[in-house]
Amino acid sequence: MFLFRLRPAMLVGLALATAGVTDLRAQQIVPYGAVEASGFGNGVALIGLGIGTGRAGWGPVANVSALAVRIRDAAGDGFRTETALSAAIGVRYASMTAATSILGGYTFVEEGVSGSQVGGRGATATVQHDYWGTGERMAQLIGTYNFGAEYLWSRAKATQKLSPISPLSAGGELIVQGGGSGSNDSWVAQFGPVLQFFATERLRFDLSGGVALRNRDQPASGYARLEFVLIPAR
């Protein structure tokens, strides 16, 4: 039975999605992380670092991140943990209200795992657009493809501040990921609400969750994710 197929594209995609923040100063050195729990007892933990110029116009951008995945084993009577490491470099164009990035990289996957759910190692390509405007609204579009795993991870996300002076923003997200062809393809759509909270001027948390729908008559499940990003000081 299909339980949870996580490929390296998700590592880069979730990493960059987590690192997307709401002004130019955030694109200098940005620590970030995320944890996710989904149906059937599976889970994901991510930690990473984004590096950029922090200037308007064209500039370089880089990202490195590590992922640990807890999944049910093939026999269905226990769990195992698999790991992967991803690095990417590229270019970014930023204005005062938005930024667009194009990155290429590579994902390294833990060796010696039979029937790995993390997927094969391979080159990755990512396109990402972030909009933050005056700070009251945020929107993000991101797509990552892993050529070795033949897997796509994409996300659309938007939030609105509850009031101009509130540290809280609310909105929603849609994630579509999957790959393969014919009888071996697998696709998952996740969607639900998002709540953003600035604990301090620099530390932001994103809490999201909802429903995960799968193809091929596989059962639906829920998911919950907590992300953080540490924005550089002014």
Protein backbone atom coordinates (compact mmCIF):
# COMPACT_ATOMS: atom_id res chain seq x y z
CA MET A 1 0.00 0.00 0.00
CA PHE A 2 1.22 3.51 -0.83
CA LEU A 3 2.12 5.27 2.41
CA PHE A 4 4.29 8.31 1.81
CA ARG A 5 6.73 8.78 -1.04
CA LEU A 6 9.13 11.64 -0.36
CA ARG A 7 11.64 12.52 -3.05
CA PRO A 8 14.70 14.84 -3.05
CA ALA A 9 12.72 17.55 -4.83
CA MET A 10 10.84 18.10 -1.59
CA LEU A 11 14.11 18.72 0.25
CA VAL A 12 15.03 21.65 -2.00
CA GLY A 13 11.45 22.84 -2.34
CA LEU A 14 10.61 22.89 1.34
CA ALA A 15 14.00 24.38 2.15
CA LEU A 16 13.57 27.31 -0.23
CA ALA A 17 9.94 27.76 0.70
CA THR A 18 10.92 27.99 4.34
CA ALA A 19 13.70 30.44 3.56
CA GLY A 20 11.38 32.78 1.64
CA VAL A 21 10.88 35.84 3.86
CA THR A 22 9.48 39.31 3.58
CA ASP A 23 12.17 41.87 2.79
CA LEU A 24 15.56 42.35 1.17
CA ARG A 25 17.56 42.25 4.39
CA ALA A 26 16.47 38.64 4.84
CA GLN A 27 18.52 37.57 1.83
CA GLN A 28 21.89 37.71 3.58
CA ILE A 29 22.42 34.75 5.93
CA VAL A 30 19.14 33.06 6.81
CA PRO A 31 18.92 30.02 9.13
CA TYR A 32 15.63 28.14 8.80
CA GLY A 33 13.99 24.84 9.59
CA ALA A 34 10.77 22.85 9.51
CA VAL A 35 9.11 19.78 10.98
CA GLU A 36 6.13 18.03 9.41
CA ALA A 37 3.90 15.19 10.55
CA SER A 38 1.60 13.41 8.12
CA GLY A 39 -0.75 10.46 8.08
CA PHE A 40 0.32 6.91 8.90
CA GLY A 41 2.90 8.09 11.45
CA ASN A 42 5.37 9.59 8.96
CA GLY A 43 7.41 12.71 9.68
CA VAL A 44 9.99 15.13 8.24
CA ALA A 45 12.63 17.33 9.91
CA LEU A 46 14.60 19.94 7.94
CA ILE A 47 17.39 22.39 8.82
CA GLY A 48 19.18 24.72 6.43
CA LEU A 49 20.90 27.98 5.59
CA GLY A 50 20.22 30.46 2.79
CA ILE A 51 22.83 33.00 1.64
CA GLY A 52 22.31 36.03 -0.61
CA THR A 53 23.48 39.60 -1.23
CA GLY A 54 20.65 41.52 0.46
CA ARG A 55 20.66 44.09 -2.36
CA ALA A 56 18.11 45.10 -4.98
CA GLY A 57 18.80 44.03 -8.55
CA TRP A 58 20.66 40.93 -9.67
CA GLY A 59 22.76 38.92 -7.25
CA PRO A 60 23.91 35.41 -6.37
CA VAL A 61 22.01 33.14 -4.01
CA ALA A 62 22.91 29.80 -2.40
CA ASN A 63 21.20 27.26 -0.20
CA VAL A 64 22.26 24.18 1.76
CA SER A 65 19.94 21.95 3.77
CA ALA A 66 19.67 18.56 5.46
CA LEU A 67 16.59 16.38 5.73
CA ALA A 68 15.57 13.44 7.91
CA VAL A 69 12.46 11.43 7.05
CA ARG A 70 10.65 8.96 9.32
CA ILE A 71 8.65 6.45 7.29
CA ARG A 72 6.98 3.12 7.77
CA ASP A 73 9.10 0.21 6.53
CA ALA A 74 8.07 -2.03 3.66
CA ALA A 75 6.67 -4.72 5.97
CA GLY A 76 4.43 -2.14 7.64
CA ASP A 77 5.34 -3.26 11.16
CA GLY A 78 7.82 -0.52 12.10
CA PHE A 79 9.53 2.72 11.07
CA ARG A 80 12.94 3.73 9.78
CA THR A 81 14.73 7.06 9.29
CA GLU A 82 16.37 8.13 6.04
CA THR A 83 18.49 11.24 5.38
CA ALA A 84 19.46 13.47 2.47
CA LEU A 85 21.61 16.57 1.90
CA SER A 86 20.99 19.21 -0.75
CA ALA A 87 22.99 22.20 -2.03
CA ALA A 88 22.02 24.74 -4.70
CA ILE A 89 23.36 27.97 -6.20
CA GLY A 90 21.83 30.44 -8.59
CA VAL A 91 20.82 34.01 -9.33
CA ARG A 92 18.14 36.25 -7.90
CA TYR A 93 16.52 39.48 -9.05
CA ALA A 94 14.99 41.58 -6.28
CA SER A 95 12.98 44.78 -6.19
CA MET A 96 11.71 46.56 -3.09
CA THR A 97 8.53 44.45 -3.07
CA ALA A 98 9.38 41.10 -4.69
CA ALA A 99 12.13 38.72 -5.76
CA THR A 100 12.59 35.92 -8.29
CA SER A 101 15.26 33.21 -7.98
CA ILE A 102 16.55 30.48 -10.31
CA LEU A 103 18.78 27.81 -8.77
CA GLY A 104 20.51 24.61 -9.80
CA GLY A 105 21.87 22.07 -7.37
CA TYR A 106 22.31 18.46 -6.36
CA THR A 107 20.77 16.20 -3.74
CA PHE A 108 22.82 13.49 -2.02
CA VAL A 109 20.84 10.61 -0.53
CA GLU A 110 21.82 8.21 2.23
CA GLU A 111 23.39 5.05 0.82
CA GLY A 112 22.53 1.47 1.70
CA VAL A 113 18.78 1.89 2.24
CA SER A 114 16.69 -0.78 0.56
CA GLY A 115 13.51 0.53 -1.05
CA SER A 116 14.32 4.12 -0.13
CA GLN A 117 11.34 6.46 0.17
CA VAL A 118 13.63 9.50 0.00
CA GLY A 119 14.42 8.61 -3.61
CA GLY A 120 17.53 8.69 -5.78
CA ARG A 121 20.22 11.31 -5.82
CA GLY A 122 20.19 13.75 -8.68
CA ALA A 123 20.51 17.26 -10.08
CA THR A 124 17.79 19.75 -9.18
CA ALA A 125 16.35 22.91 -10.77
CA THR A 126 14.27 25.44 -8.86
CA VAL A 127 12.29 28.56 -9.79
CA GLN A 128 10.87 30.69 -6.96
CA HIS A 129 8.96 33.98 -6.77
CA ASP A 130 8.30 35.84 -3.50
CA TYR A 131 6.11 38.91 -3.04
CA TRP A 132 5.97 40.89 0.21
CA GLY A 133 4.78 44.32 -0.92
CA THR A 134 4.57 46.74 2.00
CA GLY A 135 4.61 43.88 4.51
CA GLU A 136 0.85 43.43 4.93
CA ARG A 137 0.53 40.71 2.27
CA MET A 138 2.84 37.88 1.27
CA ALA A 139 2.67 35.46 -1.65
CA GLN A 140 5.02 32.73 -2.83
CA LEU A 141 5.24 30.44 -5.87
CA ILE A 142 7.91 27.76 -6.04
CA GLY A 143 8.65 24.73 -8.19
CA THR A 144 11.52 22.25 -7.90
CA TYR A 145 12.30 19.31 -10.17
CA ASN A 146 14.76 16.51 -9.36
CA PHE A 147 16.06 14.96 -12.56
CA GLY A 148 17.51 11.87 -10.90
CA ALA A 149 14.29 11.02 -9.09
CA GLU A 150 12.05 12.45 -11.86
CA TYR A 151 10.02 14.19 -9.19
CA LEU A 152 8.31 17.59 -8.97
CA TRP A 153 7.58 19.57 -5.79
CA SER A 154 5.54 22.80 -6.07
CA ARG A 155 3.86 25.17 -3.65
CA ALA A 156 1.62 28.25 -3.80
CA LYS A 157 1.18 30.19 -0.55
CA ALA A 158 -0.40 33.53 0.40
CA THR A 159 -1.05 35.33 3.69
CA GLN A 160 -2.58 38.61 4.88
CA LYS A 161 -1.84 40.45 8.14
CA LEU A 162 -4.79 40.41 10.53
CA SER A 163 -4.18 44.13 11.14
CA PRO A 164 -1.45 46.58 10.11
CA ILE A 165 0.22 46.34 13.54
CA SER A 166 -0.49 42.68 14.25
CA PRO A 167 2.33 40.11 14.42
CA LEU A 168 -0.13 37.56 13.00
CA SER A 169 -0.90 36.80 9.35
CA ALA A 170 -3.34 34.21 8.01
CA GLY A 171 -3.81 32.59 4.62
CA GLY A 172 -3.54 29.30 2.81
CA GLU A 173 -1.27 27.01 0.81
CA LEU A 174 -1.45 24.38 -1.92
CA ILE A 175 1.34 21.83 -2.43
CA VAL A 176 1.44 19.46 -5.40
CA GLN A 177 4.21 16.87 -5.60
CA GLY A 178 4.77 13.67 -7.51
CA GLY A 179 6.37 11.89 -10.41
CA GLY A 180 6.69 8.70 -12.38
CA SER A 181 4.66 7.47 -15.32
CA GLY A 182 2.07 4.84 -16.07
CA SER A 183 1.27 2.46 -13.25
CA ASN A 184 4.28 3.69 -11.25
CA ASP A 185 3.29 7.34 -10.95
CA SER A 186 2.39 8.85 -7.58
CA TRP A 187 0.98 12.30 -6.84
CA VAL A 188 -0.03 14.07 -3.65
CA ALA A 189 -1.95 17.35 -3.24
CA GLN A 190 -1.80 19.04 0.18
CA PHE A 191 -3.89 22.10 1.01
CA GLY A 192 -4.96 23.96 4.10
CA PRO A 193 -4.68 27.17 6.16
CA VAL A 194 -1.47 28.94 7.16
CA LEU A 195 -0.82 31.07 10.26
CA GLN A 196 2.33 33.23 10.45
CA PHE A 197 3.61 34.73 13.69
CA PHE A 198 6.55 37.06 14.37
CA ALA A 199 7.75 36.06 17.85
CA THR A 200 10.34 38.85 17.62
CA GLU A 201 11.31 41.31 14.90
CA ARG A 202 13.67 38.66 13.49
CA LEU A 203 12.10 35.29 14.35
CA ARG A 204 9.08 34.14 12.33
CA PHE A 205 7.06 30.95 12.69
CA ASP A 206 4.68 29.50 10.09
CA LEU A 207 2.11 26.92 11.19
CA SER A 208 0.18 25.10 8.46
CA GLY A 209 -1.89 21.97 8.09
CA GLY A 210 -4.74 20.39 6.23
CA VAL A 211 -5.59 17.49 3.96
CA ALA A 212 -3.31 15.35 1.77
CA LEU A 213 -5.02 13.70 -1.22
CA ARG A 214 -3.32 10.94 -3.21
CA ASN A 215 -3.94 9.39 -6.61
CA ARG A 216 -4.75 5.74 -7.44
CA ASP A 217 -7.49 5.44 -4.84
CA GLN A 218 -5.02 5.75 -1.97
CA PRO A 219 -6.46 6.97 1.35
CA ALA A 220 -6.46 10.66 2.21
CA SER A 221 -4.73 11.83 5.38
CA GLY A 222 -3.93 14.98 7.29
CA TYR A 223 -0.67 16.88 7.71
CA ALA A 224 0.72 19.56 10.02
CA ARG A 225 3.90 21.61 9.55
CA LEU A 226 5.82 24.11 11.69
CA GLU A 227 8.47 26.27 10.00
CA PHE A 228 10.81 28.92 11.36
CA VAL A 229 13.11 31.48 9.79
CA LEU A 230 15.60 33.82 11.50
CA ILE A 231 15.75 37.11 9.61
CA PRO A 232 19.10 38.99 9.70
CA ALA A 233 19.33 42.10 11.86
CA ARG A 234 18.84 45.45 10.22
